[in-house]
PDB file of N, CA and C in Angstrom:
ATOM      1  N   MET A   1     -19.506 -20.124  10.580  1.00  0.00           N
ATOM      2  CA  MET A   1     -18.397 -20.226  10.984  1.00  0.00           C
ATOM      3  C   MET A   1     -17.384 -19.923  10.186  1.00  0.00           C
ATOM      4  N   MET A   2     -18.130 -21.008   8.370  1.00  0.00           N
ATOM      5  CA  MET A   2     -16.774 -20.270   7.375  1.00  0.00           C
ATOM      6  C   MET A   2     -17.014 -19.124   7.127  1.00  0.00           C
ATOM      7  N   GLU A   3     -17.873 -18.031   7.235  1.00  0.00           N
ATOM      8  CA  GLU A   3     -17.748 -16.771   7.136  1.00  0.00           C
ATOM      9  C   GLU A   3     -16.612 -16.007   7.947  1.00  0.00           C
ATOM     10  N   TYR A   4     -16.857 -16.944   9.208  1.00  0.00           N
ATOM     11  CA  TYR A   4     -15.469 -15.808   9.555  1.00  0.00           C
ATOM     12  C   TYR A   4     -14.494 -16.064   9.673  1.00  0.00           C
ATOM     13  N   ASN A   5     -13.962 -17.191   8.796  1.00  0.00           N
ATOM     14  CA  ASN A   5     -12.682 -17.985   8.323  1.00  0.00           C
ATOM     15  C   ASN A   5     -12.610 -16.983   6.520  1.00  0.00           C
ATOM     16  N   LEU A   6     -13.829 -16.676   6.197  1.00  0.00           N
ATOM     17  CA  LEU A   6     -13.756 -16.071   4.511  1.00  0.00           C
ATOM     18  C   LEU A   6     -12.671 -14.893   5.277  1.00  0.00           C
ATOM     19  N   LEU A   7     -13.192 -14.515   5.952  1.00  0.00           N
ATOM     20  CA  LEU A   7     -12.945 -12.558   6.129  1.00  0.00           C
ATOM     21  C   LEU A   7     -12.002 -12.719   7.010  1.00  0.00           C
ATOM     22  N   GLN A   8     -11.274 -12.838   7.996  1.00  0.00           N
ATOM     23  CA  GLN A   8     -10.042 -13.551   8.595  1.00  0.00           C
ATOM     24  C   GLN A   8      -8.980 -13.908   7.563  1.00  0.00           C
ATOM     25  N   TYR A   9      -9.339 -14.176   6.543  1.00  0.00           N
ATOM     26  CA  TYR A   9      -8.342 -14.800   5.473  1.00  0.00           C
ATOM     27  C   TYR A   9      -8.015 -13.641   4.270  1.00  0.00           C
ATOM     28  N   LEU A  10      -9.085 -12.427   3.577  1.00  0.00           N
ATOM     29  CA  LEU A  10      -9.614 -11.774   3.512  1.00  0.00           C
ATOM     30  C   LEU A  10      -8.468 -10.634   3.602  1.00  0.00           C
ATOM     31  N   ARG A  11      -8.813 -10.762   5.620  1.00  0.00           N
ATOM     32  CA  ARG A  11      -8.097  -9.760   6.067  1.00  0.00           C
ATOM     33  C   ARG A  11      -6.479  -9.518   6.720  1.00  0.00           C
ATOM     34  N   GLU A  12      -6.213 -11.555   6.341  1.00  0.00           N
ATOM     35  CA  GLU A  12      -4.993 -11.492   6.764  1.00  0.00           C
ATOM     36  C   GLU A  12      -4.193 -11.542   5.314  1.00  0.00           C
ATOM     37  N   GLY A  13      -4.487 -11.654   4.407  1.00  0.00           N
ATOM     38  CA  GLY A  13      -3.814 -12.112   3.046  1.00  0.00           C
ATOM     39  C   GLY A  13      -3.597 -10.215   2.155  1.00  0.00           C
ATOM     40  N   LEU A  14      -4.925  -9.520   2.853  1.00  0.00           N
ATOM     41  CA  LEU A  14      -4.498  -8.006   2.333  1.00  0.00           C
ATOM     42  C   LEU A  14      -3.402  -7.670   3.118  1.00  0.00           C
ATOM     43  N   GLU A  15      -3.285  -7.499   4.089  1.00  0.00           N
ATOM     44  CA  GLU A  15      -2.454  -7.509   4.892  1.00  0.00           C
ATOM     45  C   GLU A  15      -0.861  -7.753   5.197  1.00  0.00           C
ATOM     46  N   SER A  16      -0.881  -9.286   4.446  1.00  0.00           N
ATOM     47  CA  SER A  16       0.423  -9.162   4.288  1.00  0.00           C
ATOM     48  C   SER A  16       0.768  -9.322   2.633  1.00  0.00           C
ATOM     49  N   GLY A  17       0.247  -9.056   1.912  1.00  0.00           N
ATOM     50  CA  GLY A  17       0.003  -8.731   0.686  1.00  0.00           C
ATOM     51  C   GLY A  17       0.208 -10.066  -0.279  1.00  0.00           C
ATOM     52  N   THR A  18      -0.541 -10.511   0.805  1.00  0.00           N
ATOM     53  CA  THR A  18      -0.605 -12.374  -0.936  1.00  0.00           C
ATOM     54  C   THR A  18      -1.850 -11.777  -1.113  1.00  0.00           C
ATOM     55  N   LEU A  19      -2.313 -11.755  -1.206  1.00  0.00           N
ATOM     56  CA  LEU A  19      -3.871 -11.313  -2.337  1.00  0.00           C
ATOM     57  C   LEU A  19      -3.683 -10.136  -3.358  1.00  0.00           C
ATOM     58  N   ALA A  20      -2.562  -9.039  -2.580  1.00  0.00           N
ATOM     59  CA  ALA A  20      -2.669  -8.469  -4.174  1.00  0.00           C
ATOM     60  C   ALA A  20      -1.474  -9.100  -4.819  1.00  0.00           C
ATOM     61  N   PRO A  21      -1.868  -8.057  -6.235  1.00  0.00           N
ATOM     62  CA  PRO A  21      -0.961  -8.459  -7.573  1.00  0.00           C
ATOM     63  C   PRO A  21       0.161  -7.963  -6.845  1.00  0.00           C
ATOM     64  N   PRO A  22       1.314  -8.099  -7.290  1.00  0.00           N
ATOM     65  CA  PRO A  22       3.100  -7.012  -7.662  1.00  0.00           C
ATOM     66  C   PRO A  22       3.031  -5.338  -7.389  1.00  0.00           C
ATOM     67  N   GLY A  23       2.953  -5.157  -6.925  1.00  0.00           N
ATOM     68  CA  GLY A  23       3.484  -4.314  -6.591  1.00  0.00           C
ATOM     69  C   GLY A  23       2.280  -2.662  -6.611  1.00  0.00           C
ATOM     70  N   VAL A  24       1.306  -3.332  -5.849  1.00  0.00           N
ATOM     71  CA  VAL A  24      -0.029  -3.238  -5.911  1.00  0.00           C
ATOM     72  C   VAL A  24      -0.085  -3.166  -3.513  1.00  0.00           C
ATOM     73  N   GLN A  25      -0.626  -2.421  -3.489  1.00  0.00           N
ATOM     74  CA  GLN A  25      -1.091  -2.747  -1.792  1.00  0.00           C
ATOM     75  C   GLN A  25      -2.024  -2.272  -1.337  1.00  0.00           C
ATOM     76  N   ALA A  26      -2.221  -2.684  -0.356  1.00  0.00           N
ATOM     77  CA  ALA A  26      -3.692  -2.940   0.056  1.00  0.00           C
ATOM     78  C   ALA A  26      -4.253  -2.386   1.993  1.00  0.00           C
ATOM     79  N   ARG A  27      -4.801  -1.535   2.300  1.00  0.00           N
ATOM     80  CA  ARG A  27      -5.512  -1.351   3.086  1.00  0.00           C
ATOM     81  C   ARG A  27      -6.731  -1.466   3.701  1.00  0.00           C
ATOM     82  N   ILE A  28      -6.766  -2.391   5.003  1.00  0.00           N
ATOM     83  CA  ILE A  28      -8.361  -2.059   4.992  1.00  0.00           C
ATOM     84  C   ILE A  28      -8.357  -0.735   5.915  1.00  0.00           C
ATOM     85  N   VAL A  29      -9.959  -0.299   5.113  1.00  0.00           N
ATOM     86  CA  VAL A  29     -10.358   0.562   5.861  1.00  0.00           C
ATOM     87  C   VAL A  29     -11.356   0.270   6.998  1.00  0.00           C
ATOM     88  N   GLU A  30     -12.195  -0.161   6.247  1.00  0.00           N
ATOM     89  CA  GLU A  30     -13.292  -0.586   7.042  1.00  0.00           C
ATOM     90  C   GLU A  30     -13.796  -2.720   7.379  1.00  0.00           C
ATOM     91  N   MET A  31     -14.115  -3.295   8.285  1.00  0.00           N
ATOM     92  CA  MET A  31     -14.337  -4.063   8.295  1.00  0.00           C
ATOM     93  C   MET A  31     -15.716  -4.537   8.537  1.00  0.00           C
ATOM     94  N   GLN A  32     -16.553  -4.717   7.455  1.00  0.00           N
ATOM     95  CA  GLN A  32     -18.348  -5.113   7.480  1.00  0.00           C
ATOM     96  C   GLN A  32     -18.653  -3.436   7.865  1.00  0.00           C
ATOM     97  N   PRO A  33     -18.647  -2.879   7.063  1.00  0.00           N
ATOM     98  CA  PRO A  33     -19.887  -1.886   7.539  1.00  0.00           C
ATOM     99  C   PRO A  33     -20.765  -1.495   7.805  1.00  0.00           C
ATOM    100  N   LEU A  34     -21.728  -1.157   7.813  1.00  0.00           N
ATOM    101  CA  LEU A  34     -22.942  -0.753   7.450  1.00  0.00           C
ATOM    102  C   LEU A  34     -23.489   0.517   6.771  1.00  0.00           C
ATOM    103  N   PHE A  35     -24.656   0.084   5.753  1.00  0.00           N
ATOM    104  CA  PHE A  35     -24.148   1.171   5.320  1.00  0.00           C
ATOM    105  C   PHE A  35     -26.594   1.553   5.557  1.00  0.00           C
ATOM    106  N   LYS A  36     -26.545   3.123   5.591  1.00  0.00           N
ATOM    107  CA  LYS A  36     -28.021   2.823   6.137  1.00  0.00           C
ATOM    108  C   LYS A  36     -28.472   3.884   5.119  1.00  0.00           C
ATOM    109  N   GLY A  37     -29.493   3.101   4.299  1.00  0.00           N
ATOM    110  CA  GLY A  37     -30.327   4.019   3.161  1.00  0.00           C
ATOM    111  C   GLY A  37     -31.736   4.937   4.017  1.00  0.00           C
ATOM    112  N   THR A  38     -32.741   5.523   3.138  1.00  0.00           N
ATOM    113  CA  THR A  38     -33.536   5.711   4.073  1.00  0.00           C
ATOM    114  C   THR A  38     -34.511   4.270   4.168  1.00  0.00           C
ATOM    115  N   HIS A  39     -34.540   3.254   3.715  1.00  0.00           N
ATOM    116  CA  HIS A  39     -35.138   2.294   4.080  1.00  0.00           C
ATOM    117  C   HIS A  39     -35.084   0.985   3.876  1.00  0.00           C
ATOM    118  N   THR A  40     -33.779   1.149   3.606  1.00  0.00           N
ATOM    119  CA  THR A  40     -32.706  -0.252   3.675  1.00  0.00           C
ATOM    120  C   THR A  40     -31.496   0.064   4.319  1.00  0.00           C
ATOM    121  N   GLN A  41     -30.793  -1.474   4.529  1.00  0.00           N
ATOM    122  CA  GLN A  41     -29.833  -1.249   5.408  1.00  0.00           C
ATOM    123  C   GLN A  41     -28.172  -2.615   4.191  1.00  0.00           C
ATOM    124  N   THR A  42     -27.300  -1.884   4.275  1.00  0.00           N
ATOM    125  CA  THR A  42     -26.575  -3.179   3.590  1.00  0.00           C
ATOM    126  C   THR A  42     -25.123  -3.009   4.444  1.00  0.00           C
ATOM    127  N   GLN A  43     -24.597  -4.234   4.578  1.00  0.00           N
ATOM    128  CA  GLN A  43     -23.281  -4.553   5.122  1.00  0.00           C
ATOM    129  C   GLN A  43     -22.672  -5.356   4.062  1.00  0.00           C
ATOM    130  N   VAL A  44     -21.793  -5.036   3.917  1.00  0.00           N
ATOM    131  CA  VAL A  44     -20.308  -5.724   2.745  1.00  0.00           C
ATOM    132  C   VAL A  44     -19.985  -6.122   3.610  1.00  0.00           C
ATOM    133  N   ASP A  45     -18.520  -6.435   3.439  1.00  0.00           N
ATOM    134  CA  ASP A  45     -17.641  -7.166   3.944  1.00  0.00           C
ATOM    135  C   ASP A  45     -16.319  -6.867   4.423  1.00  0.00           C
ATOM    136  N   ALA A  46     -16.222  -5.783   3.428  1.00  0.00           N
ATOM    137  CA  ALA A  46     -15.025  -4.826   3.416  1.00  0.00           C
ATOM    138  C   ALA A  46     -14.807  -3.730   2.222  1.00  0.00           C
ATOM    139  N   ILE A  47     -14.212  -2.781   3.220  1.00  0.00           N
ATOM    140  CA  ILE A  47     -13.580  -1.427   2.395  1.00  0.00           C
ATOM    141  C   ILE A  47     -12.257  -1.577   2.618  1.00  0.00           C
ATOM    142  N   VAL A  48     -11.102  -1.886   1.147  1.00  0.00           N
ATOM    143  CA  VAL A  48      -9.888  -1.647   0.682  1.00  0.00           C
ATOM    144  C   VAL A  48      -9.528  -0.382   0.003  1.00  0.00           C
ATOM    145  N   GLU A  49      -8.415   0.419   0.654  1.00  0.00           N
ATOM    146  CA  GLU A  49      -7.457   1.402   0.114  1.00  0.00           C
ATOM    147  C   GLU A  49      -6.499   0.692  -0.596  1.00  0.00           C
ATOM    148  N   PHE A  50      -6.244   0.873  -1.890  1.00  0.00           N
ATOM    149  CA  PHE A  50      -4.838  -0.045  -3.018  1.00  0.00           C
ATOM    150  C   PHE A  50      -4.406   1.729  -3.638  1.00  0.00           C
ATOM    151  N   SER A  51      -3.213   1.539  -3.149  1.00  0.00           N
ATOM    152  CA  SER A  51      -2.228   1.942  -3.973  1.00  0.00           C
ATOM    153  C   SER A  51      -1.256   1.145  -5.075  1.00  0.00           C
ATOM    154  N   LEU A  52      -0.142   2.342  -5.635  1.00  0.00           N
ATOM    155  CA  LEU A  52       0.653   1.315  -6.372  1.00  0.00           C
ATOM    156  C   LEU A  52       1.887   1.723  -5.135  1.00  0.00           C
ATOM    157  N   LYS A  53       2.418   0.753  -5.404  1.00  0.00           N
ATOM    158  CA  LYS A  53       3.823   0.681  -4.466  1.00  0.00           C
ATOM    159  C   LYS A  53       5.004   1.931  -5.464  1.00  0.00           C
ATOM    160  N   ASP A  54       4.487   2.000  -6.885  1.00  0.00           N
ATOM    161  CA  ASP A  54       5.511   3.996  -6.600  1.00  0.00           C
ATOM    162  C   ASP A  54       4.311   4.873  -6.717  1.00  0.00           C
ATOM    163  N   ARG A  55       2.917   5.078  -6.822  1.00  0.00           N
ATOM    164  CA  ARG A  55       2.741   5.862  -6.903  1.00  0.00           C
ATOM    165  C   ARG A  55       0.926   6.107  -6.007  1.00  0.00           C
ATOM    166  N   HIS A  56       1.940   6.771  -4.984  1.00  0.00           N
ATOM    167  CA  HIS A  56       1.194   6.723  -3.037  1.00  0.00           C
ATOM    168  C   HIS A  56      -0.481   7.246  -2.919  1.00  0.00           C
ATOM    169  N   ASN A  57       0.719   8.645  -4.047  1.00  0.00           N
ATOM    170  CA  ASN A  57      -1.001   9.440  -4.192  1.00  0.00           C
ATOM    171  C   ASN A  57      -2.043   9.109  -4.466  1.00  0.00           C
ATOM    172  N   LYS A  58      -1.675   8.034  -5.534  1.00  0.00           N
ATOM    173  CA  LYS A  58      -2.733   7.738  -6.769  1.00  0.00           C
ATOM    174  C   LYS A  58      -3.844   6.726  -6.042  1.00  0.00           C
ATOM    175  N   LEU A  59      -4.355   7.032  -4.912  1.00  0.00           N
ATOM    176  CA  LEU A  59      -5.544   5.702  -4.429  1.00  0.00           C
ATOM    177  C   LEU A  59      -6.551   5.017  -4.789  1.00  0.00           C
ATOM    178  N   SER A  60      -7.019   4.558  -4.774  1.00  0.00           N
ATOM    179  CA  SER A  60      -7.918   3.565  -5.231  1.00  0.00           C
ATOM    180  C   SER A  60      -8.953   3.213  -4.174  1.00  0.00           C
ATOM    181  N   ARG A  61     -10.193   3.148  -3.481  1.00  0.00           N
ATOM    182  CA  ARG A  61     -11.133   2.277  -2.944  1.00  0.00           C
ATOM    183  C   ARG A  61     -11.778   1.420  -3.643  1.00  0.00           C
ATOM    184  N   ALA A  62     -11.669   0.657  -2.967  1.00  0.00           N
ATOM    185  CA  ALA A  62     -12.715  -0.876  -3.574  1.00  0.00           C
ATOM    186  C   ALA A  62     -13.803  -1.233  -2.227  1.00  0.00           C
ATOM    187  N   VAL A  63     -15.738  -1.473  -2.415  1.00  0.00           N
ATOM    188  CA  VAL A  63     -16.390  -2.219  -1.433  1.00  0.00           C
ATOM    189  C   VAL A  63     -16.113  -4.389  -2.199  1.00  0.00           C
ATOM    190  N   ILE A  64     -15.914  -4.944  -1.173  1.00  0.00           N
ATOM    191  CA  ILE A  64     -15.365  -6.414  -0.649  1.00  0.00           C
ATOM    192  C   ILE A  64     -16.767  -6.815  -0.204  1.00  0.00           C
ATOM    193  N   GLU A  65     -17.202  -7.163  -1.062  1.00  0.00           N
ATOM    194  CA  GLU A  65     -18.354  -9.004  -0.637  1.00  0.00           C
ATOM    195  C   GLU A  65     -18.417  -9.956  -1.234  1.00  0.00           C
ATOM    196  N   MET A  66     -18.250 -10.456  -0.260  1.00  0.00           N
ATOM    197  CA  MET A  66     -17.597 -12.082  -1.329  1.00  0.00           C
ATOM    198  C   MET A  66     -18.667 -12.630  -1.564  1.00  0.00           C
ATOM    199  N   LYS A  67     -18.938 -13.876  -1.593  1.00  0.00           N
ATOM    200  CA  LYS A  67     -20.688 -14.835  -1.591  1.00  0.00           C
ATOM    201  C   LYS A  67     -19.850 -15.678  -2.600  1.00  0.00           C
ATOM    202  N   SER A  68     -20.495 -16.849  -2.023  1.00  0.00           N
ATOM    203  CA  SER A  68     -20.080 -18.376  -1.520  1.00  0.00           C
ATOM    204  C   SER A  68     -20.605 -18.980  -3.006  1.00  0.00           C
ATOM    205  N   ARG A  69     -21.815 -18.523  -3.098  1.00  0.00           N
ATOM    206  CA  ARG A  69     -22.604 -19.092  -4.747  1.00  0.00           C
ATOM    207  C   ARG A  69     -23.113 -17.546  -5.191  1.00  0.00           C
ATOM    208  N   LEU A  70     -22.562 -17.366  -6.529  1.00  0.00           N
ATOM    209  CA  LEU A  70     -22.960 -16.437  -7.121  1.00  0.00           C
ATOM    210  C   LEU A  70     -23.839 -16.758  -8.362  1.00  0.00           C
ATOM    211  N   THR A  71     -25.312 -16.471  -8.857  1.00  0.00           N
ATOM    212  CA  THR A  71     -25.762 -15.956  -9.661  1.00  0.00           C
ATOM    213  C   THR A  71     -26.414 -14.650 -10.159  1.00  0.00           C
ATOM    214  N   PRO A  72     -27.029 -14.646 -11.178  1.00  0.00           N
ATOM    215  CA  PRO A  72     -27.433 -13.611 -11.942  1.00  0.00           C
ATOM    216  C   PRO A  72     -28.725 -12.754 -10.664  1.00  0.00           C
ATOM    217  N   MET A  73     -29.323 -13.491  -9.598  1.00  0.00           N
ATOM    218  CA  MET A  73     -30.124 -12.754  -8.898  1.00  0.00           C
ATOM    219  C   MET A  73     -29.563 -12.515  -7.737  1.00  0.00           C
ATOM    220  N   VAL A  74     -28.269 -12.572  -7.208  1.00  0.00           N
ATOM    221  CA  VAL A  74     -27.360 -12.802  -6.258  1.00  0.00           C
ATOM    222  C   VAL A  74     -26.497 -11.492  -6.405  1.00  0.00           C
ATOM    223  N   LEU A  75     -25.820 -11.770  -7.746  1.00  0.00           N
ATOM    224  CA  LEU A  75     -25.167 -10.962  -8.497  1.00  0.00           C
ATOM    225  C   LEU A  75     -26.212  -9.060  -8.278  1.00  0.00           C
ATOM    226  N   GLU A  76     -26.945  -9.295  -8.537  1.00  0.00           N
ATOM    227  CA  GLU A  76     -28.095  -8.224  -8.359  1.00  0.00           C
ATOM    228  C   GLU A  76     -27.949  -7.553  -7.082  1.00  0.00           C
ATOM    229  N   GLY A  77     -28.348  -7.747  -6.156  1.00  0.00           N
ATOM    230  CA  GLY A  77     -28.293  -7.594  -4.920  1.00  0.00           C
ATOM    231  C   GLY A  77     -27.514  -7.026  -4.153  1.00  0.00           C
ATOM    232  N   ALA A  78     -26.139  -7.714  -4.550  1.00  0.00           N
ATOM    233  CA  ALA A  78     -24.631  -7.466  -4.297  1.00  0.00           C
ATOM    234  C   ALA A  78     -24.625  -6.333  -4.638  1.00  0.00           C
ATOM    235  N   ILE A  79     -25.047  -5.098  -5.434  1.00  0.00           N
ATOM    236  CA  ILE A  79     -24.556  -4.236  -6.512  1.00  0.00           C
ATOM    237  C   ILE A  79     -26.359  -3.281  -6.021  1.00  0.00           C
TER     238      ILE A  79
END
């Protein structure tokens, strides 16, 4: 249940602009996509596209993975 609340918070915050810095627009490309490798599958929380309000032709994409606890081992697994 908490995971859903965090994902909903992320979605609403990015769509409304409250989680992005001033002058930055965020657009959710995909929520919880599944990446399949040869031997593994990885699911992340979101893929988000960011742009500056005055430079719409310069886009950056980011993969977002939220973790409640961060240890070196968890960070290594997320990367």
